[in-house]
């Protein structure tokens, strides 16, 4: 349902509930002076009619200029390009002369990220959307920026206990659990499995490993998890580690590639003649990977829905900046499992950064 103009929607709700327009407005925006019972009635009706406040219009009405910075790496483009597209789409839908957005790009996680975040902070944005890489390195800086009054919104991973106001990501633990269960079905007998990740200092990757290991331990005791390999988002390093792993006497029969930076590992498998023999669960989706799933050389991939992550991160941050009283939730998106049988649903618009809105499912905690 399309958003109705704010004045009509609030008037409609006020008349239906037999309360004042001011009471409806306060209830919708979490302001004081409204009982919990009345607030619940207003919010229930707002949900029923699909009402959403026009934040851009509010910014214009309040004559307030809002500046948002976005700090993201260029690599891995499979993930971060559609994530940026989601942010731009949300910004376009909330467009107003009082809202501006500025992108601060850096090469890759661990290379230029701290410097880019410092640059964004110097620009004095009202809010910043960013990917927290190494939490140990990012934590102190996030706290400094948060204390300065800038609203910090995590995307792609999280940085709890740093003063950030919210985060949007896929449910990493569940992603790891799904990968383990998929491999369990394909490997019913005793075998070795391994996970190749990016940076375990990134919470998203650490949580995927936790979910993967826990599910194997509980549901697949016949599968042995080999030591985790970190590629540090460097294709050459991931390639080298994959070659060494697959040349071992006890090489794995199942692999979980928990980062979208997966082609280097797949290249190593292909050169060793193991691609299609080893069961592979990958992450996200792009043309090369889609072709491998179609040809049965990769079993499945877990799509992290970067476009949706970007869109929600922007919308939640903007809502917070407009209202302040309401903290955005911690949003965990349900990952989409992509197999050969449903691949076509995701590849029809693969070249475009579009969102499969009819397939969305969110977990909000």
Protein backbone atom coordinates (compact mmCIF):
# COMPACT_ATOMS: atom_id res chain seq x y z
CA UNK A 1 0.00 0.00 0.00
CA UNK A 2 1.33 3.47 -0.89
CA UNK A 3 1.81 5.99 1.90
CA UNK A 4 -1.07 8.41 2.32
CA UNK A 5 -0.33 12.09 2.85
CA UNK A 6 0.42 12.64 6.52
CA UNK A 7 -2.40 15.12 7.22
CA UNK A 8 -5.07 12.86 5.75
CA UNK A 9 -3.79 9.73 7.49
CA UNK A 10 -3.54 11.33 10.92
CA UNK A 11 -6.97 12.94 10.51
CA UNK A 12 -8.42 9.59 9.47
CA UNK A 13 -6.97 7.84 12.51
CA UNK A 14 -8.05 10.62 14.89
CA UNK A 15 -11.66 10.47 13.65
CA UNK A 16 -11.78 6.67 13.73
CA UNK A 17 -10.37 6.50 17.26
CA UNK A 18 -12.32 9.55 18.51
CA UNK A 19 -9.19 11.31 19.76
CA UNK A 20 -7.39 14.50 18.77
CA UNK A 21 -4.97 14.81 15.87
CA UNK A 22 -2.32 15.97 18.35
CA UNK A 23 -2.74 12.80 20.40
CA UNK A 24 -2.31 10.66 17.28
CA UNK A 25 0.81 12.59 16.29
CA UNK A 26 2.36 12.20 19.75
CA UNK A 27 1.57 8.48 19.84
CA UNK A 28 3.06 7.89 16.39
CA UNK A 29 6.31 9.65 17.26
CA UNK A 30 6.77 8.35 20.80
CA UNK A 31 6.28 11.69 22.52
CA UNK A 32 5.07 12.16 26.06
CA UNK A 33 1.50 12.89 27.10
CA UNK A 34 -0.16 9.75 25.72
CA UNK A 35 -1.24 6.74 27.77
CA UNK A 36 0.12 3.32 26.82
CA UNK A 37 -3.41 2.13 26.04
CA UNK A 38 -4.06 5.00 23.62
CA UNK A 39 -0.62 4.63 22.07
CA UNK A 40 -1.28 0.93 21.43
CA UNK A 41 -4.62 1.76 19.72
CA UNK A 42 -2.96 4.35 17.47
CA UNK A 43 -0.06 2.11 16.50
CA UNK A 44 -2.40 -0.78 15.76
CA UNK A 45 -4.49 1.36 13.41
CA UNK A 46 -1.37 2.80 11.77
CA UNK A 47 -0.24 -0.73 11.02
CA UNK A 48 -3.65 -1.71 9.67
CA UNK A 49 -3.82 1.17 7.18
CA UNK A 50 -0.12 0.98 6.27
CA UNK A 51 0.63 4.49 7.49
CA UNK A 52 4.29 5.60 7.43
CA UNK A 53 5.39 9.16 8.22
CA UNK A 54 6.93 11.10 5.36
CA UNK A 55 10.30 11.86 6.92
CA UNK A 56 11.47 14.09 4.10
CA UNK A 57 8.36 16.22 4.46
CA UNK A 58 8.98 16.45 8.19
CA UNK A 59 12.51 17.68 7.55
CA UNK A 60 11.21 20.39 5.25
CA UNK A 61 8.45 21.36 7.70
CA UNK A 62 10.95 21.67 10.54
CA UNK A 63 13.37 23.57 8.28
CA UNK A 64 16.10 21.18 9.37
CA UNK A 65 19.00 20.09 7.18
CA UNK A 66 20.05 16.47 7.71
CA UNK A 67 23.42 15.18 6.53
CA UNK A 68 24.16 11.46 6.35
CA UNK A 69 27.56 9.92 5.63
CA UNK A 70 28.07 6.40 4.31
CA UNK A 71 31.40 4.66 4.96
CA UNK A 72 31.78 1.39 3.02
CA UNK A 73 34.51 -0.57 1.20
CA UNK A 74 34.64 -0.88 -2.58
CA UNK A 75 35.60 -4.56 -2.34
CA UNK A 76 33.62 -6.89 -2.34
CA UNK A 77 31.55 -5.27 -5.12
CA UNK A 78 29.13 -8.24 -5.26
CA UNK A 79 27.90 -7.23 -1.83
CA UNK A 80 28.65 -3.55 -1.37
CA UNK A 81 27.45 -2.25 -4.76
CA UNK A 82 23.85 -3.40 -4.21
CA UNK A 83 24.08 -2.28 -0.56
CA UNK A 84 24.93 1.24 -1.77
CA UNK A 85 22.09 0.99 -4.29
CA UNK A 86 19.68 0.23 -1.45
CA UNK A 87 20.87 3.29 0.45
CA UNK A 88 20.50 5.48 -2.67
CA UNK A 89 17.01 4.12 -3.33
CA UNK A 90 15.92 4.92 0.21
CA UNK A 91 17.47 8.37 -0.05
CA UNK A 92 15.68 9.00 -3.35
CA UNK A 93 12.32 7.99 -1.90
CA UNK A 94 12.84 10.39 1.01
CA UNK A 95 14.30 13.09 -1.18
CA UNK A 96 14.01 16.67 0.02
CA UNK A 97 16.16 19.75 -0.24
CA UNK A 98 17.01 19.39 3.45
CA UNK A 99 18.44 15.84 3.25
CA UNK A 100 21.92 15.14 1.85
CA UNK A 101 23.99 11.97 1.58
CA UNK A 102 27.74 11.65 1.07
CA UNK A 103 29.67 8.43 0.37
CA UNK A 104 33.13 7.87 1.85
CA UNK A 105 34.64 4.82 0.13
CA UNK A 106 37.80 2.91 1.02
CA UNK A 107 39.54 -0.04 -0.72
CA UNK A 108 38.53 -3.01 1.45
CA UNK A 109 37.91 -4.11 5.03
CA UNK A 110 41.09 -3.52 7.00
CA UNK A 111 42.55 -1.15 4.42
CA UNK A 112 41.57 2.48 4.84
CA UNK A 113 38.41 1.90 6.88
CA UNK A 114 39.51 3.73 10.03
CA UNK A 115 40.77 6.68 7.97
CA UNK A 116 37.50 6.86 6.00
CA UNK A 117 35.45 6.86 9.21
CA UNK A 118 37.60 9.66 10.64
CA UNK A 119 37.08 11.65 7.42
CA UNK A 120 33.31 11.18 7.67
CA UNK A 121 33.39 12.29 11.31
CA UNK A 122 35.27 15.45 10.33
CA UNK A 123 32.43 16.29 7.92
CA UNK A 124 30.12 16.57 10.95
CA UNK A 125 27.32 14.42 9.53
CA UNK A 126 24.21 14.04 11.66
CA UNK A 127 24.41 10.29 11.13
CA UNK A 128 26.81 7.75 9.63
CA UNK A 129 26.05 4.35 8.09
CA UNK A 130 29.09 2.10 8.22
CA UNK A 131 30.35 -1.48 8.25
CA UNK A 132 32.24 -2.24 11.47
CA UNK A 133 35.17 -4.41 10.42
CA UNK A 134 37.65 -5.23 13.16
CA UNK A 135 35.60 -4.46 16.28
CA UNK A 136 38.72 -4.06 18.41
CA UNK A 137 40.00 -1.39 16.04
CA UNK A 138 36.66 0.27 15.38
CA UNK A 139 35.22 0.22 18.89
CA UNK A 140 37.08 3.18 20.45
CA UNK A 141 36.48 5.38 17.39
CA UNK A 142 32.76 4.53 17.26
CA UNK A 143 32.44 5.51 20.92
CA UNK A 144 34.21 8.83 20.32
CA UNK A 145 31.99 9.67 17.34
CA UNK A 146 28.81 8.59 19.16
CA UNK A 147 29.67 10.75 22.18
CA UNK A 148 30.13 13.71 19.85
CA UNK A 149 26.44 13.48 18.95
CA UNK A 150 26.65 11.66 15.60
CA UNK A 151 24.18 8.79 15.26
CA UNK A 152 26.06 5.65 14.21
CA UNK A 153 24.18 2.97 12.24
CA UNK A 154 25.91 -0.36 11.55
CA UNK A 155 25.18 -2.29 8.36
CA UNK A 156 26.40 -5.72 7.27
CA UNK A 157 27.62 -6.51 10.77
CA UNK A 158 27.26 -5.09 14.27
CA UNK A 159 29.35 -3.41 16.93
CA UNK A 160 27.44 -3.77 20.22
CA UNK A 161 28.44 -1.83 23.33
CA UNK A 162 29.97 0.99 21.31
CA UNK A 163 27.21 3.59 21.50
CA UNK A 164 25.85 2.82 18.03
CA UNK A 165 22.12 3.47 17.77
CA UNK A 166 21.19 0.43 15.68
CA UNK A 167 22.25 -2.13 13.08
CA UNK A 168 20.94 -3.98 10.03
CA UNK A 169 22.41 -7.30 8.87
CA UNK A 170 21.47 -10.85 8.03
CA UNK A 171 21.18 -13.24 10.93
CA UNK A 172 24.77 -14.47 10.84
CA UNK A 173 24.39 -17.28 13.37
CA UNK A 174 21.40 -18.66 11.49
CA UNK A 175 23.32 -18.39 8.20
CA UNK A 176 26.07 -20.56 9.62
CA UNK A 177 23.53 -23.04 10.97
CA UNK A 178 21.81 -23.31 7.59
CA UNK A 179 25.12 -23.94 5.84
CA UNK A 180 25.93 -26.74 8.28
CA UNK A 181 22.51 -28.35 7.84
CA UNK A 182 22.78 -28.26 4.05
CA UNK A 183 26.15 -30.01 4.19
CA UNK A 184 24.76 -32.55 6.66
CA UNK A 185 22.15 -33.66 4.12
CA UNK A 186 24.78 -34.07 1.42
CA UNK A 187 27.36 -35.81 3.63
CA UNK A 188 25.55 -38.55 5.57
CA UNK A 189 28.74 -40.49 6.36
CA UNK A 190 31.92 -39.64 8.23
CA UNK A 191 33.79 -36.79 6.54
CA UNK A 192 35.74 -33.59 7.12
CA UNK A 193 34.28 -30.15 6.50
CA UNK A 194 35.82 -26.67 6.66
CA UNK A 195 34.83 -23.03 6.72
CA UNK A 196 36.76 -20.34 4.85
CA UNK A 197 35.89 -16.89 6.11
CA UNK A 198 37.06 -13.30 5.80
CA UNK A 199 37.94 -11.77 9.16
CA UNK A 200 36.91 -13.42 12.42
CA UNK A 201 37.45 -10.04 14.06
CA UNK A 202 34.27 -9.00 12.23
CA UNK A 203 31.25 -10.02 14.32
CA UNK A 204 29.28 -11.21 11.27
CA UNK A 205 31.96 -13.75 10.36
CA UNK A 206 32.49 -14.87 13.94
CA UNK A 207 28.74 -15.47 14.38
CA UNK A 208 28.56 -17.50 11.16
CA UNK A 209 31.35 -19.73 12.46
CA UNK A 210 29.54 -20.14 15.81
CA UNK A 211 26.29 -21.18 14.13
CA UNK A 212 28.10 -23.52 11.76
CA UNK A 213 30.13 -25.25 14.49
CA UNK A 214 27.20 -25.56 16.92
CA UNK A 215 24.89 -27.13 14.35
CA UNK A 216 27.54 -29.63 13.28
CA UNK A 217 28.22 -30.59 16.88
CA UNK A 218 24.54 -31.17 17.66
CA UNK A 219 23.17 -32.62 14.42
CA UNK A 220 26.19 -34.03 12.59
CA UNK A 221 28.69 -35.61 14.99
CA UNK A 222 29.92 -37.73 12.07
CA UNK A 223 31.34 -34.59 10.43
CA UNK A 224 34.67 -33.23 11.65
CA UNK A 225 35.23 -29.48 11.44
CA UNK A 226 38.79 -28.63 10.42
CA UNK A 227 40.52 -25.45 11.69
CA UNK A 228 38.94 -22.28 10.29
CA UNK A 229 40.83 -20.44 7.56
CA UNK A 230 40.75 -16.63 7.32
CA UNK A 231 41.29 -15.11 3.88
CA UNK A 232 41.24 -11.56 5.29
CA UNK A 233 39.20 -10.57 2.21
CA UNK A 234 42.35 -10.91 0.09
CA UNK A 235 41.70 -13.12 -2.96
CA UNK A 236 45.35 -14.20 -3.29
CA UNK A 237 45.50 -15.27 0.34
CA UNK A 238 42.17 -17.12 0.11
CA UNK A 239 43.39 -18.87 -3.06
CA UNK A 240 46.66 -19.92 -1.42
CA UNK A 241 44.93 -21.23 1.69
CA UNK A 242 42.36 -23.15 -0.36
CA UNK A 243 45.11 -24.85 -2.39
CA UNK A 244 46.94 -25.88 0.78
CA UNK A 245 43.73 -27.13 2.39
CA UNK A 246 42.66 -29.25 -0.55
CA UNK A 247 46.13 -30.78 -0.96
CA UNK A 248 46.02 -32.18 2.57
CA UNK A 249 45.61 -35.90 3.05
CA UNK A 250 42.53 -35.27 5.21
CA UNK A 251 41.04 -32.66 2.88
CA UNK A 252 37.39 -31.72 3.44
CA UNK A 253 34.46 -33.06 1.45
CA UNK A 254 32.33 -30.04 2.33
CA UNK A 255 33.14 -26.31 2.37
CA UNK A 256 31.27 -23.28 3.71
CA UNK A 257 32.48 -20.04 2.14
CA UNK A 258 31.06 -17.53 4.60
CA UNK A 259 32.10 -14.41 2.67
CA UNK A 260 31.07 -13.18 -0.78
CA UNK A 261 34.79 -13.10 -1.60
CA UNK A 262 34.57 -16.71 -2.76
CA UNK A 263 35.78 -16.91 -6.37
CA UNK A 264 39.44 -17.32 -5.39
CA UNK A 265 38.55 -20.45 -3.41
CA UNK A 266 36.41 -21.76 -6.25
CA UNK A 267 39.29 -21.16 -8.67
CA UNK A 268 41.57 -23.26 -6.46
CA UNK A 269 39.02 -26.07 -6.40
CA UNK A 270 38.71 -25.97 -10.17
CA UNK A 271 42.47 -26.12 -10.73
CA UNK A 272 42.72 -29.16 -8.45
CA UNK A 273 39.83 -30.92 -10.20
CA UNK A 274 37.71 -30.79 -7.02
CA UNK A 275 35.00 -28.36 -8.12
CA UNK A 276 31.76 -30.30 -8.32
CA UNK A 277 33.18 -33.11 -6.18
CA UNK A 278 33.42 -31.13 -2.96
CA UNK A 279 30.07 -29.93 -1.61
CA UNK A 280 30.19 -26.11 -1.48
CA UNK A 281 27.85 -23.68 0.26
CA UNK A 282 28.73 -20.11 -0.74
CA UNK A 283 27.54 -16.62 0.23
CA UNK A 284 25.58 -14.03 -1.81
CA UNK A 285 25.05 -14.17 -5.57
CA UNK A 286 26.67 -12.90 -8.75
CA UNK A 287 26.82 -14.05 -12.37
CA UNK A 288 29.80 -16.38 -12.03
CA UNK A 289 28.40 -18.07 -8.96
CA UNK A 290 24.94 -18.40 -10.51
CA UNK A 291 26.47 -20.31 -13.44
CA UNK A 292 28.21 -22.69 -11.04
CA UNK A 293 24.98 -23.40 -9.15
CA UNK A 294 23.17 -24.00 -12.42
CA UNK A 295 25.83 -26.51 -13.51
CA UNK A 296 25.74 -28.33 -10.14
CA UNK A 297 29.32 -27.34 -9.27
CA UNK A 298 28.19 -25.33 -6.24
CA UNK A 299 25.38 -26.77 -4.11
CA UNK A 300 23.87 -23.58 -2.70
CA UNK A 301 24.48 -20.02 -1.61
CA UNK A 302 23.08 -17.92 1.23
CA UNK A 303 21.95 -14.56 -0.07
CA UNK A 304 22.46 -11.75 2.44
CA UNK A 305 20.10 -9.30 0.69
CA UNK A 306 22.47 -6.32 0.58
CA UNK A 307 19.99 -4.02 -1.19
CA UNK A 308 17.48 -4.50 1.62
CA UNK A 309 20.19 -4.03 4.23
CA UNK A 310 21.16 -0.68 2.73
CA UNK A 311 17.56 0.50 2.39
CA UNK A 312 16.62 -0.37 5.97
CA UNK A 313 19.80 1.10 7.42
CA UNK A 314 19.08 4.45 5.77
CA UNK A 315 15.37 4.44 6.66
CA UNK A 316 16.01 3.54 10.31
CA UNK A 317 18.78 6.10 10.69
CA UNK A 318 16.68 8.85 9.11
CA UNK A 319 13.72 7.97 11.32
CA UNK A 320 15.93 8.24 14.38
CA UNK A 321 17.36 11.58 13.32
CA UNK A 322 13.86 12.96 12.74
CA UNK A 323 12.38 11.75 16.01
CA UNK A 324 15.32 11.11 18.35
CA UNK A 325 13.06 9.69 21.09
CA UNK A 326 12.82 6.25 19.45
CA UNK A 327 15.94 4.13 19.06
CA UNK A 328 16.02 2.01 15.88
CA UNK A 329 15.80 -1.74 16.41
CA UNK A 330 18.54 -4.26 15.82
CA UNK A 331 17.35 -5.83 12.54
CA UNK A 332 18.36 -9.35 11.56
CA UNK A 333 17.21 -10.27 8.06
CA UNK A 334 16.47 -13.89 7.28
CA UNK A 335 18.99 -15.10 4.67
CA UNK A 336 17.60 -16.54 1.44
CA UNK A 337 18.72 -20.06 0.55
CA UNK A 338 19.44 -20.21 -3.18
CA UNK A 339 19.56 -23.63 -4.83
CA UNK A 340 19.40 -24.66 -8.46
CA UNK A 341 15.63 -25.15 -8.16
CA UNK A 342 14.92 -21.51 -7.19
CA UNK A 343 17.91 -19.84 -8.85
CA UNK A 344 15.77 -18.23 -11.54
CA UNK A 345 13.89 -16.21 -8.94
CA UNK A 346 17.09 -14.39 -8.07
CA UNK A 347 18.91 -14.18 -11.40
CA UNK A 348 16.25 -12.47 -13.52
CA UNK A 349 17.39 -9.06 -12.28
CA UNK A 350 20.87 -10.01 -11.13
CA UNK A 351 22.55 -7.25 -13.12
CA UNK A 352 20.35 -4.69 -11.37
CA UNK A 353 20.44 -3.86 -7.66
CA UNK A 354 16.78 -4.57 -7.02
CA UNK A 355 15.04 -5.94 -3.98
CA UNK A 356 12.85 -9.05 -4.03
CA UNK A 357 10.32 -7.41 -1.72
CA UNK A 358 7.82 -10.23 -2.04
CA UNK A 359 10.41 -12.63 -0.62
CA UNK A 360 11.38 -10.51 2.38
CA UNK A 361 11.28 -11.84 5.92
CA UNK A 362 12.70 -9.94 8.88
CA UNK A 363 13.55 -10.81 12.45
CA UNK A 364 13.64 -7.74 14.69
CA UNK A 365 15.10 -8.03 18.15
